[in-house]
Amino acid sequence: MNLERLGSITSELSTSLLKSIVVPQRSLRAWFARHRSSNPRNKNGRPDGRPERELDVSTAEFPAGPVILMGGTPVPDEAVVAAVHLSGGRSARLAVVPAAAGGDAAEAAAVAARAFTRFGMKHVEPVLLDSREKAADPEWVARLREYDAIVLCGDSPARGLHVLQATAAAAALRDHVKAGRLLVGIDAGAAILGSRLFPHEAEDGITVGLGIVPALLIDPGFSGAQRFSRLVRAMSAPEAAAMMGVGLDAQTGVLIADGEAKVLGEARVTVLDPWERGTPSEDRPGGLKVHLLTDGYRLDFRTRRAFPPERPEPNGK
């Protein structure tokens, strides 16, 4: 489904920092007209014939282990500190895997490792798993299983998928988070963890990701009208009707645990939700709900609701 244009943007401020805006989409009018009668809603307000579970963010099974997604360099200190804590502290063993590196894998791993060693982590080790042959090799896969936390990094989502998709290493990553251990994705390493992604930075086409973080399309390095428009177009497709699109700026990350995301960092996270489109009419054919979330804001995937940071009670209570 093509987006004909971005119309006027209506802002609905729920707090001083959290914004929900509706992006009108004239091309949705025909779709709503076709499905309004044939797609009745049940008592929960959801249409029948919903997509498979892994593409519905409100019912998808999120991993037991925490997952931290970072938008790119410079990485946010808040997200790194959270990773140190969730991995088990400064003595935890952390593997840096440059599977998505488009260039020198060793250099990509070294850059990512410095983000953690400068906060005192003592056992940060590069695991140069940078080919499908290695990703299928039992010895390389066994190495992954030895670590308390794993960091995927690199700048090429297409490369990351080529290396990991449908391999024993990808299965090991799923087992890692199912066991409750921390998985971190930086830049392209974050993009490939969702159910869908843009494999190429300057192209609209989307493809299937690893699905470790289900029902999300993750777009790191997110900024500017062009990237926003691309994410809007992708989330307007019928396949994405129950998913969410997540745009991560550099210097920002999200911690995902227990079906909830928390923003960490100085910039913002843009979340597109196509589920709560406005009621179609001649003047308002429908739109996407957009959350602009800053540090400390939370988003509950099951209820599709965003919440402001928790404030400490007066007098330290």
C-alpha atoms as a PDB file:
ATOM      1  CA  MET A   1       0.000   0.000   0.000  1.00  0.00           C
ATOM      2  CA  ASN A   2       1.553   3.306  -1.050  1.00  0.00           C
ATOM      3  CA  LEU A   3       1.486   6.456   1.002  1.00  0.00           C
ATOM      4  CA  GLU A   4       0.363   9.252  -1.317  1.00  0.00           C
ATOM      5  CA  ARG A   5       1.561  12.057   0.902  1.00  0.00           C
ATOM      6  CA  LEU A   6       2.144  13.085   4.455  1.00  0.00           C
ATOM      7  CA  GLY A   7      -0.699  15.447   5.266  1.00  0.00           C
ATOM      8  CA  SER A   8      -1.091  17.769   8.163  1.00  0.00           C
ATOM      9  CA  ILE A   9       0.062  16.308  11.452  1.00  0.00           C
ATOM     10  CA  THR A  10      -2.250  16.583  14.436  1.00  0.00           C
ATOM     11  CA  SER A  11      -0.523  16.428  17.807  1.00  0.00           C
ATOM     12  CA  GLU A  12      -2.181  15.121  20.942  1.00  0.00           C
ATOM     13  CA  LEU A  13       0.031  15.833  23.941  1.00  0.00           C
ATOM     14  CA  SER A  14      -0.555  13.421  26.796  1.00  0.00           C
ATOM     15  CA  THR A  15       2.376  14.925  28.714  1.00  0.00           C
ATOM     16  CA  SER A  16       4.918  17.626  28.028  1.00  0.00           C
ATOM     17  CA  LEU A  17       7.298  15.149  26.437  1.00  0.00           C
ATOM     18  CA  LEU A  18       5.134  12.341  25.062  1.00  0.00           C
ATOM     19  CA  LYS A  19       3.332  13.038  21.804  1.00  0.00           C
ATOM     20  CA  SER A  20       0.813  10.946  19.905  1.00  0.00           C
ATOM     21  CA  ILE A  21       0.267  12.190  16.389  1.00  0.00           C
ATOM     22  CA  VAL A  22      -1.910  10.936  13.571  1.00  0.00           C
ATOM     23  CA  VAL A  23      -0.566  10.812  10.050  1.00  0.00           C
ATOM     24  CA  PRO A  24      -3.447  10.915   7.535  1.00  0.00           C
ATOM     25  CA  GLN A  25      -3.267   8.438   4.692  1.00  0.00           C
ATOM     26  CA  ARG A  26      -5.679   8.975   1.824  1.00  0.00           C
ATOM     27  CA  SER A  27      -4.783   5.642   0.289  1.00  0.00           C
ATOM     28  CA  LEU A  28      -6.177   3.777   3.306  1.00  0.00           C
ATOM     29  CA  ARG A  29      -9.748   4.843   2.489  1.00  0.00           C
ATOM     30  CA  ALA A  30     -10.378   2.073  -0.020  1.00  0.00           C
ATOM     31  CA  TRP A  31      -8.835  -0.551   2.262  1.00  0.00           C
ATOM     32  CA  PHE A  32     -11.097   0.431   5.166  1.00  0.00           C
ATOM     33  CA  ALA A  33     -14.129   0.457   2.880  1.00  0.00           C
ATOM     34  CA  ARG A  34     -13.357  -3.067   1.663  1.00  0.00           C
ATOM     35  CA  HIS A  35     -12.745  -4.521   5.125  1.00  0.00           C
ATOM     36  CA  ARG A  36     -15.186  -2.637   7.325  1.00  0.00           C
ATOM     37  CA  SER A  37     -18.061  -5.083   6.729  1.00  0.00           C
ATOM     38  CA  SER A  38     -16.057  -8.246   6.105  1.00  0.00           C
ATOM     39  CA  ASN A  39     -13.773  -7.828   9.118  1.00  0.00           C
ATOM     40  CA  PRO A  40     -16.066  -7.551  12.169  1.00  0.00           C
ATOM     41  CA  ARG A  41     -14.646  -6.821  15.610  1.00  0.00           C
ATOM     42  CA  ASN A  42     -14.942  -9.108  18.589  1.00  0.00           C
ATOM     43  CA  LYS A  43     -15.615  -8.064  22.172  1.00  0.00           C
ATOM     44  CA  ASN A  44     -12.000  -6.957  22.605  1.00  0.00           C
ATOM     45  CA  GLY A  45     -12.253  -4.519  19.698  1.00  0.00           C
ATOM     46  CA  ARG A  46      -9.858  -6.530  17.538  1.00  0.00           C
ATOM     47  CA  PRO A  47     -10.709  -7.676  14.007  1.00  0.00           C
ATOM     48  CA  ASP A  48     -11.193 -11.335  13.232  1.00  0.00           C
ATOM     49  CA  GLY A  49      -8.692 -12.999  10.951  1.00  0.00           C
ATOM     50  CA  ARG A  50      -5.776 -11.346  12.731  1.00  0.00           C
ATOM     51  CA  PRO A  51      -2.225 -12.100  11.561  1.00  0.00           C
ATOM     52  CA  GLU A  52      -0.117 -14.885  12.957  1.00  0.00           C
ATOM     53  CA  ARG A  53       0.972 -14.432  16.545  1.00  0.00           C
ATOM     54  CA  GLU A  54       4.581 -13.451  15.856  1.00  0.00           C
ATOM     55  CA  LEU A  55       3.356 -10.436  13.830  1.00  0.00           C
ATOM     56  CA  ASP A  56       0.931  -9.196  16.502  1.00  0.00           C
ATOM     57  CA  VAL A  57       2.799  -7.175  19.117  1.00  0.00           C
ATOM     58  CA  SER A  58       0.000  -7.469  21.692  1.00  0.00           C
ATOM     59  CA  THR A  59       0.025 -11.292  21.720  1.00  0.00           C
ATOM     60  CA  ALA A  60       3.560 -12.149  20.596  1.00  0.00           C
ATOM     61  CA  GLU A  61       5.790 -14.083  22.970  1.00  0.00           C
ATOM     62  CA  PHE A  62       8.661 -11.804  23.929  1.00  0.00           C
ATOM     63  CA  PRO A  63      11.851 -13.475  25.160  1.00  0.00           C
ATOM     64  CA  ALA A  64      12.423 -14.101  28.856  1.00  0.00           C
ATOM     65  CA  GLY A  65      15.833 -12.493  28.753  1.00  0.00           C
ATOM     66  CA  PRO A  66      16.261  -8.735  28.535  1.00  0.00           C
ATOM     67  CA  VAL A  67      17.116  -7.286  25.136  1.00  0.00           C
ATOM     68  CA  ILE A  68      18.712  -3.865  24.652  1.00  0.00           C
ATOM     69  CA  LEU A  69      18.521  -2.212  21.236  1.00  0.00           C
ATOM     70  CA  MET A  70      20.764   0.776  20.464  1.00  0.00           C
ATOM     71  CA  GLY A  71      20.376   3.093  17.504  1.00  0.00           C
ATOM     72  CA  GLY A  72      24.050   3.473  16.676  1.00  0.00           C
ATOM     73  CA  THR A  73      27.213   5.301  17.679  1.00  0.00           C
ATOM     74  CA  PRO A  74      27.751   7.076  19.896  1.00  0.00           C
ATOM     75  CA  VAL A  75      25.921   4.583  22.063  1.00  0.00           C
ATOM     76  CA  PRO A  76      24.015   5.945  25.078  1.00  0.00           C
ATOM     77  CA  ASP A  77      25.771   5.633  28.434  1.00  0.00           C
ATOM     78  CA  GLU A  78      22.432   4.860  30.084  1.00  0.00           C
ATOM     79  CA  ALA A  79      21.967   1.779  27.899  1.00  0.00           C
ATOM     80  CA  VAL A  80      25.533   0.561  28.483  1.00  0.00           C
ATOM     81  CA  VAL A  81      25.185   0.946  32.259  1.00  0.00           C
ATOM     82  CA  ALA A  82      21.923  -1.029  32.094  1.00  0.00           C
ATOM     83  CA  ALA A  83      23.691  -3.718  30.060  1.00  0.00           C
ATOM     84  CA  VAL A  84      26.505  -3.997  32.600  1.00  0.00           C
ATOM     85  CA  HIS A  85      23.968  -4.465  35.380  1.00  0.00           C
ATOM     86  CA  LEU A  86      21.748  -6.925  33.513  1.00  0.00           C
ATOM     87  CA  SER A  87      24.674  -9.060  32.337  1.00  0.00           C
ATOM     88  CA  GLY A  88      25.669  -9.722  35.952  1.00  0.00           C
ATOM     89  CA  GLY A  89      28.096  -6.886  36.692  1.00  0.00           C
ATOM     90  CA  ARG A  90      31.634  -5.964  35.690  1.00  0.00           C
ATOM     91  CA  SER A  91      32.909  -9.526  36.081  1.00  0.00           C
ATOM     92  CA  ALA A  92      30.390 -11.017  33.651  1.00  0.00           C
ATOM     93  CA  ARG A  93      31.626 -12.501  30.382  1.00  0.00           C
ATOM     94  CA  LEU A  94      30.425 -10.553  27.355  1.00  0.00           C
ATOM     95  CA  ALA A  95      30.863 -11.624  23.716  1.00  0.00           C
ATOM     96  CA  VAL A  96      30.985  -8.971  20.992  1.00  0.00           C
ATOM     97  CA  VAL A  97      29.826 -10.495  17.697  1.00  0.00           C
ATOM     98  CA  PRO A  98      30.298  -8.331  14.555  1.00  0.00           C
ATOM     99  CA  ALA A  99      28.048 -10.503  12.383  1.00  0.00           C
ATOM    100  CA  ALA A 100      26.544  -7.407  10.717  1.00  0.00           C
ATOM    101  CA  ALA A 101      29.850  -5.677   9.956  1.00  0.00           C
ATOM    102  CA  GLY A 102      29.995  -4.521   6.353  1.00  0.00           C
ATOM    103  CA  GLY A 103      33.737  -3.859   6.569  1.00  0.00           C
ATOM    104  CA  ASP A 104      36.483  -4.913   8.988  1.00  0.00           C
ATOM    105  CA  ALA A 105      34.781  -7.211  11.491  1.00  0.00           C
ATOM    106  CA  ALA A 106      37.636  -7.008  14.007  1.00  0.00           C
ATOM    107  CA  GLU A 107      37.523  -3.201  14.012  1.00  0.00           C
ATOM    108  CA  ALA A 108      33.713  -3.190  14.399  1.00  0.00           C
ATOM    109  CA  ALA A 109      34.030  -5.527  17.381  1.00  0.00           C
ATOM    110  CA  ALA A 110      36.767  -3.384  18.933  1.00  0.00           C
ATOM    111  CA  VAL A 111      34.659  -0.212  18.677  1.00  0.00           C
ATOM    112  CA  ALA A 112      31.668  -1.895  20.293  1.00  0.00           C
ATOM    113  CA  ALA A 113      33.820  -3.479  23.003  1.00  0.00           C
ATOM    114  CA  ARG A 114      35.211  -0.098  24.096  1.00  0.00           C
ATOM    115  CA  ALA A 115      31.701   1.049  25.017  1.00  0.00           C
ATOM    116  CA  PHE A 116      31.680  -1.636  27.722  1.00  0.00           C
ATOM    117  CA  THR A 117      35.306  -1.763  28.844  1.00  0.00           C
ATOM    118  CA  ARG A 118      35.275   1.956  29.622  1.00  0.00           C
ATOM    119  CA  PHE A 119      32.608   1.182  32.229  1.00  0.00           C
ATOM    120  CA  GLY A 120      34.846  -1.364  33.881  1.00  0.00           C
ATOM    121  CA  MET A 121      33.750  -4.668  32.356  1.00  0.00           C
ATOM    122  CA  LYS A 122      36.695  -7.050  32.704  1.00  0.00           C
ATOM    123  CA  HIS A 123      35.811  -9.873  30.304  1.00  0.00           C
ATOM    124  CA  VAL A 124      34.714  -8.347  27.006  1.00  0.00           C
ATOM    125  CA  GLU A 125      35.811 -10.653  24.200  1.00  0.00           C
ATOM    126  CA  PRO A 126      35.450 -10.387  20.406  1.00  0.00           C
ATOM    127  CA  VAL A 127      33.865 -13.426  18.789  1.00  0.00           C
ATOM    128  CA  LEU A 128      34.499 -12.892  15.073  1.00  0.00           C
ATOM    129  CA  LEU A 129      31.533 -14.872  13.813  1.00  0.00           C
ATOM    130  CA  ASP A 130      31.351 -13.158  10.421  1.00  0.00           C
ATOM    131  CA  SER A 131      30.396 -15.862   7.905  1.00  0.00           C
ATOM    132  CA  ARG A 132      27.656 -18.443   7.403  1.00  0.00           C
ATOM    133  CA  GLU A 133      30.267 -21.178   7.629  1.00  0.00           C
ATOM    134  CA  LYS A 134      31.179 -20.065  11.139  1.00  0.00           C
ATOM    135  CA  ALA A 135      27.498 -19.594  12.060  1.00  0.00           C
ATOM    136  CA  ALA A 136      26.904 -23.260  11.157  1.00  0.00           C
ATOM    137  CA  ASP A 137      30.065 -24.562  12.849  1.00  0.00           C
ATOM    138  CA  PRO A 138      29.293 -26.368  16.154  1.00  0.00           C
ATOM    139  CA  GLU A 139      32.527 -25.086  17.706  1.00  0.00           C
ATOM    140  CA  TRP A 140      31.657 -21.422  17.046  1.00  0.00           C
ATOM    141  CA  VAL A 141      28.097 -21.976  18.252  1.00  0.00           C
ATOM    142  CA  ALA A 142      29.392 -23.636  21.427  1.00  0.00           C
ATOM    143  CA  ARG A 143      31.499 -20.523  22.100  1.00  0.00           C
ATOM    144  CA  LEU A 144      28.397 -18.339  22.024  1.00  0.00           C
ATOM    145  CA  ARG A 145      26.758 -20.461  24.687  1.00  0.00           C
ATOM    146  CA  GLU A 146      29.595 -19.776  27.139  1.00  0.00           C
ATOM    147  CA  TYR A 147      28.832 -16.078  27.673  1.00  0.00           C
ATOM    148  CA  ASP A 148      26.647 -14.256  30.162  1.00  0.00           C
ATOM    149  CA  ALA A 149      25.748 -11.600  27.569  1.00  0.00           C
ATOM    150  CA  ILE A 150      26.078 -11.220  23.809  1.00  0.00           C
ATOM    151  CA  VAL A 151      26.409  -8.011  21.787  1.00  0.00           C
ATOM    152  CA  LEU A 152      25.604  -8.033  18.056  1.00  0.00           C
ATOM    153  CA  CYS A 153      27.100  -5.119  16.156  1.00  0.00           C
ATOM    154  CA  GLY A 154      27.845  -3.855  12.655  1.00  0.00           C
ATOM    155  CA  ASP A 155      26.538  -1.408  10.068  1.00  0.00           C
ATOM    156  CA  SER A 156      24.995  -3.708   7.436  1.00  0.00           C
ATOM    157  CA  PRO A 157      21.637  -5.390   8.169  1.00  0.00           C
ATOM    158  CA  ALA A 158      21.876  -7.322   4.903  1.00  0.00           C
ATOM    159  CA  ARG A 159      25.231  -8.720   5.943  1.00  0.00           C
ATOM    160  CA  GLY A 160      23.936  -9.642   9.379  1.00  0.00           C
ATOM    161  CA  LEU A 161      21.047 -11.598   7.890  1.00  0.00           C
ATOM    162  CA  HIS A 162      23.319 -13.320   5.391  1.00  0.00           C
ATOM    163  CA  VAL A 163      25.546 -14.518   8.209  1.00  0.00           C
ATOM    164  CA  LEU A 164      22.907 -15.528  10.769  1.00  0.00           C
ATOM    165  CA  GLN A 165      19.514 -16.226   9.193  1.00  0.00           C
ATOM    166  CA  ALA A 166      18.460 -19.883   9.584  1.00  0.00           C
ATOM    167  CA  THR A 167      21.733 -20.997  11.198  1.00  0.00           C
ATOM    168  CA  ALA A 168      22.704 -22.820  14.370  1.00  0.00           C
ATOM    169  CA  ALA A 169      24.159 -19.550  15.679  1.00  0.00           C
ATOM    170  CA  ALA A 170      20.761 -17.831  15.330  1.00  0.00           C
ATOM    171  CA  ALA A 171      19.188 -20.723  17.255  1.00  0.00           C
ATOM    172  CA  ALA A 172      21.825 -20.249  19.952  1.00  0.00           C
ATOM    173  CA  LEU A 173      20.912 -16.562  20.229  1.00  0.00           C
ATOM    174  CA  ARG A 174      17.257 -17.509  20.731  1.00  0.00           C
ATOM    175  CA  ASP A 175      18.216 -20.059  23.377  1.00  0.00           C
ATOM    176  CA  HIS A 176      20.374 -17.405  25.047  1.00  0.00           C
ATOM    177  CA  VAL A 177      17.472 -15.002  25.625  1.00  0.00           C
ATOM    178  CA  LYS A 178      15.024 -17.815  26.422  1.00  0.00           C
ATOM    179  CA  ALA A 179      17.370 -18.719  29.260  1.00  0.00           C
ATOM    180  CA  GLY A 180      16.997 -15.189  30.638  1.00  0.00           C
ATOM    181  CA  ARG A 181      20.384 -13.857  29.558  1.00  0.00           C
ATOM    182  CA  LEU A 182      21.070 -10.429  28.063  1.00  0.00           C
ATOM    183  CA  LEU A 183      21.236  -9.828  24.317  1.00  0.00           C
ATOM    184  CA  VAL A 184      22.320  -6.408  22.985  1.00  0.00           C
ATOM    185  CA  GLY A 185      21.937  -5.173  19.405  1.00  0.00           C
ATOM    186  CA  ILE A 186      23.816  -2.095  18.203  1.00  0.00           C
ATOM    187  CA  ASP A 187      22.921  -0.410  14.887  1.00  0.00           C
ATOM    188  CA  ALA A 188      22.438  -3.190  12.286  1.00  0.00           C
ATOM    189  CA  GLY A 189      22.815  -5.702  15.110  1.00  0.00           C
ATOM    190  CA  ALA A 190      19.590  -4.263  16.533  1.00  0.00           C
ATOM    191  CA  ALA A 191      17.763  -4.155  13.193  1.00  0.00           C
ATOM    192  CA  ILE A 192      18.114  -7.866  12.479  1.00  0.00           C
ATOM    193  CA  LEU A 193      16.563  -8.889  15.813  1.00  0.00           C
ATOM    194  CA  GLY A 194      13.040  -7.828  14.823  1.00  0.00           C
ATOM    195  CA  SER A 195      10.483  -9.745  12.778  1.00  0.00           C
ATOM    196  CA  ARG A 196      10.984  -7.370   9.848  1.00  0.00           C
ATOM    197  CA  LEU A 197      13.692  -4.908   8.810  1.00  0.00           C
ATOM    198  CA  PHE A 198      15.035  -2.705   6.042  1.00  0.00           C
ATOM    199  CA  PRO A 199      18.087  -4.636   4.762  1.00  0.00           C
ATOM    200  CA  HIS A 200      19.459  -1.600   2.918  1.00  0.00           C
ATOM    201  CA  GLU A 201      19.793   1.904   4.333  1.00  0.00           C
ATOM    202  CA  ALA A 202      18.512   3.830   1.314  1.00  0.00           C
ATOM    203  CA  GLU A 203      15.826   1.436   0.049  1.00  0.00           C
ATOM    204  CA  ASP A 204      12.179   0.885   0.992  1.00  0.00           C
ATOM    205  CA  GLY A 205      12.069  -2.895   0.685  1.00  0.00           C
ATOM    206  CA  ILE A 206      11.660  -4.912   3.879  1.00  0.00           C
ATOM    207  CA  THR A 207      12.563  -8.508   4.622  1.00  0.00           C
ATOM    208  CA  VAL A 208      12.223 -11.092   7.389  1.00  0.00           C
ATOM    209  CA  GLY A 209      14.465 -10.662  10.430  1.00  0.00           C
ATOM    210  CA  LEU A 210      15.537 -13.136  13.087  1.00  0.00           C
ATOM    211  CA  GLY A 211      12.300 -12.577  15.015  1.00  0.00           C
ATOM    212  CA  ILE A 212      13.983 -12.722  18.422  1.00  0.00           C
ATOM    213  CA  VAL A 213      12.099  -9.542  19.289  1.00  0.00           C
ATOM    214  CA  PRO A 214       8.773 -10.361  17.592  1.00  0.00           C
ATOM    215  CA  ALA A 215       6.231  -8.157  15.812  1.00  0.00           C
ATOM    216  CA  LEU A 216       8.629  -5.205  15.504  1.00  0.00           C
ATOM    217  CA  LEU A 217      10.233  -3.528  12.510  1.00  0.00           C
ATOM    218  CA  ILE A 218      13.391  -1.910  13.920  1.00  0.00           C
ATOM    219  CA  ASP A 219      15.082   0.945  12.049  1.00  0.00           C
ATOM    220  CA  PRO A 220      18.324   2.170  13.720  1.00  0.00           C
ATOM    221  CA  GLY A 221      20.121   5.381  12.798  1.00  0.00           C
ATOM    222  CA  PHE A 222      16.659   6.896  12.518  1.00  0.00           C
ATOM    223  CA  SER A 223      16.397  10.635  11.881  1.00  0.00           C
ATOM    224  CA  GLY A 224      14.955  13.000   9.325  1.00  0.00           C
ATOM    225  CA  ALA A 225      11.816  13.097   7.216  1.00  0.00           C
ATOM    226  CA  GLN A 226      13.061  10.547   4.681  1.00  0.00           C
ATOM    227  CA  ARG A 227      13.512   7.767   7.239  1.00  0.00           C
ATOM    228  CA  PHE A 228      10.216   8.671   8.918  1.00  0.00           C
ATOM    229  CA  SER A 229       8.359   8.517   5.594  1.00  0.00           C
ATOM    230  CA  ARG A 230       9.913   5.149   4.786  1.00  0.00           C
ATOM    231  CA  LEU A 231       8.828   3.686   8.114  1.00  0.00           C
ATOM    232  CA  VAL A 232       5.305   5.077   7.615  1.00  0.00           C
ATOM    233  CA  ARG A 233       5.088   3.397   4.220  1.00  0.00           C
ATOM    234  CA  ALA A 234       6.253   0.073   5.633  1.00  0.00           C
ATOM    235  CA  MET A 235       3.820   0.196   8.538  1.00  0.00           C
ATOM    236  CA  SER A 236       0.941   0.974   6.175  1.00  0.00           C
ATOM    237  CA  ALA A 237       1.216  -2.465   4.548  1.00  0.00           C
ATOM    238  CA  PRO A 238      -1.512  -5.008   5.442  1.00  0.00           C
ATOM    239  CA  GLU A 239       1.107  -7.393   6.852  1.00  0.00           C
ATOM    240  CA  ALA A 240       2.112  -4.756   9.435  1.00  0.00           C
ATOM    241  CA  ALA A 241      -1.430  -4.081  10.701  1.00  0.00           C
ATOM    242  CA  ALA A 242      -0.739  -5.522  14.180  1.00  0.00           C
ATOM    243  CA  MET A 243       3.002  -4.812  14.367  1.00  0.00           C
ATOM    244  CA  MET A 244       4.881  -1.729  15.547  1.00  0.00           C
ATOM    245  CA  GLY A 245       7.674   0.177  13.820  1.00  0.00           C
ATOM    246  CA  VAL A 246      10.541   1.389  16.019  1.00  0.00           C
ATOM    247  CA  GLY A 247      12.902   4.141  14.862  1.00  0.00           C
ATOM    248  CA  LEU A 248      16.033   4.449  17.015  1.00  0.00           C
ATOM    249  CA  ASP A 249      18.134   7.608  16.919  1.00  0.00           C
ATOM    250  CA  ALA A 250      21.842   7.434  17.697  1.00  0.00           C
ATOM    251  CA  GLN A 251      22.603   7.999  21.407  1.00  0.00           C
ATOM    252  CA  THR A 252      19.347   6.259  22.287  1.00  0.00           C
ATOM    253  CA  GLY A 253      18.349   2.722  23.146  1.00  0.00           C
ATOM    254  CA  VAL A 254      15.431   0.700  24.420  1.00  0.00           C
ATOM    255  CA  LEU A 255      15.427  -1.988  27.053  1.00  0.00           C
ATOM    256  CA  ILE A 256      12.819  -4.673  26.304  1.00  0.00           C
ATOM    257  CA  ALA A 257      11.790  -6.937  29.155  1.00  0.00           C
ATOM    258  CA  ASP A 258       8.524  -8.576  30.192  1.00  0.00           C
ATOM    259  CA  GLY A 259       6.717  -7.253  27.111  1.00  0.00           C
ATOM    260  CA  GLU A 260       7.605  -3.649  27.871  1.00  0.00           C
ATOM    261  CA  ALA A 261      10.110  -1.224  26.346  1.00  0.00           C
ATOM    262  CA  LYS A 262      11.901   1.508  28.292  1.00  0.00           C
ATOM    263  CA  VAL A 263      13.777   4.317  26.558  1.00  0.00           C
ATOM    264  CA  LEU A 264      17.395   4.933  27.596  1.00  0.00           C
ATOM    265  CA  GLY A 265      19.478   7.819  26.294  1.00  0.00           C
ATOM    266  CA  GLU A 266      19.591  11.440  25.221  1.00  0.00           C
ATOM    267  CA  ALA A 267      17.705  11.347  21.919  1.00  0.00           C
ATOM    268  CA  ARG A 268      14.292   9.875  21.177  1.00  0.00           C
ATOM    269  CA  VAL A 269      12.608   6.722  19.991  1.00  0.00           C
ATOM    270  CA  THR A 270       9.854   6.951  17.372  1.00  0.00           C
ATOM    271  CA  VAL A 271       7.215   4.215  17.550  1.00  0.00           C
ATOM    272  CA  LEU A 272       4.567   3.817  14.831  1.00  0.00           C
ATOM    273  CA  ASP A 273       1.409   1.910  15.734  1.00  0.00           C
ATOM    274  CA  PRO A 274      -0.965   1.194  12.833  1.00  0.00           C
ATOM    275  CA  TRP A 275      -3.540  -0.525  15.042  1.00  0.00           C
ATOM    276  CA  GLU A 276      -5.230   2.555  16.491  1.00  0.00           C
ATOM    277  CA  ARG A 277      -6.058   4.263  13.236  1.00  0.00           C
ATOM    278  CA  GLY A 278      -8.788   6.876  13.457  1.00  0.00           C
ATOM    279  CA  THR A 279     -12.301   5.966  12.349  1.00  0.00           C
ATOM    280  CA  PRO A 280     -12.405   6.426   8.570  1.00  0.00           C
ATOM    281  CA  SER A 281     -14.549   9.193   7.180  1.00  0.00           C
ATOM    282  CA  GLU A 282     -14.649  11.461   4.149  1.00  0.00           C
ATOM    283  CA  ASP A 283     -12.540  14.086   5.917  1.00  0.00           C
ATOM    284  CA  ARG A 284     -10.363  11.743   7.944  1.00  0.00           C
ATOM    285  CA  PRO A 285      -9.631   8.472   6.134  1.00  0.00           C
ATOM    286  CA  GLY A 286      -7.431   7.100   8.880  1.00  0.00           C
ATOM    287  CA  GLY A 287      -3.849   7.299  10.093  1.00  0.00           C
ATOM    288  CA  LEU A 288      -1.034   5.872  12.156  1.00  0.00           C
ATOM    289  CA  LYS A 289      -0.515   6.595  15.824  1.00  0.00           C
ATOM    290  CA  VAL A 290       3.002   7.835  16.505  1.00  0.00           C
ATOM    291  CA  HIS A 291       4.728   7.937  19.886  1.00  0.00           C
ATOM    292  CA  LEU A 292       7.792  10.140  20.312  1.00  0.00           C
ATOM    293  CA  LEU A 293       9.438   8.793  23.456  1.00  0.00           C
ATOM    294  CA  THR A 294      12.356  10.223  25.414  1.00  0.00           C
ATOM    295  CA  ASP A 295      14.520   8.950  28.266  1.00  0.00           C
ATOM    296  CA  GLY A 296      12.560   7.040  30.894  1.00  0.00           C
ATOM    297  CA  TYR A 297       9.342   6.661  28.916  1.00  0.00           C
ATOM    298  CA  ARG A 298       7.859   3.181  28.721  1.00  0.00           C
ATOM    299  CA  LEU A 299       5.702   1.392  26.159  1.00  0.00           C
ATOM    300  CA  ASP A 300       3.644  -1.664  27.050  1.00  0.00           C
ATOM    301  CA  PHE A 301       3.417  -3.832  23.940  1.00  0.00           C
ATOM    302  CA  ARG A 302       0.468  -5.851  25.234  1.00  0.00           C
ATOM    303  CA  THR A 303      -1.755  -2.832  25.802  1.00  0.00           C
ATOM    304  CA  ARG A 304      -0.042  -0.676  23.136  1.00  0.00           C
ATOM    305  CA  ARG A 305       0.085   2.204  25.649  1.00  0.00           C
ATOM    306  CA  ALA A 306       2.936   4.573  26.518  1.00  0.00           C
ATOM    307  CA  PHE A 307       3.694   5.899  30.004  1.00  0.00           C
ATOM    308  CA  PRO A 308       5.847   8.757  31.332  1.00  0.00           C
ATOM    309  CA  PRO A 309       8.840   8.110  33.603  1.00  0.00           C
ATOM    310  CA  GLU A 310       8.104   7.092  37.147  1.00  0.00           C
ATOM    311  CA  ARG A 311       8.731   9.999  39.494  1.00  0.00           C
ATOM    312  CA  PRO A 312      10.110   9.469  42.996  1.00  0.00           C
ATOM    313  CA  GLU A 313       7.677  10.236  45.766  1.00  0.00           C
ATOM    314  CA  PRO A 314       8.236  13.409  47.812  1.00  0.00           C
ATOM    315  CA  ASN A 315      10.568  13.172  50.807  1.00  0.00           C
ATOM    316  CA  GLY A 316      12.149  10.051  49.354  1.00  0.00           C
ATOM    317  CA  LYS A 317       9.155   7.861  50.116  1.00  0.00           C
END
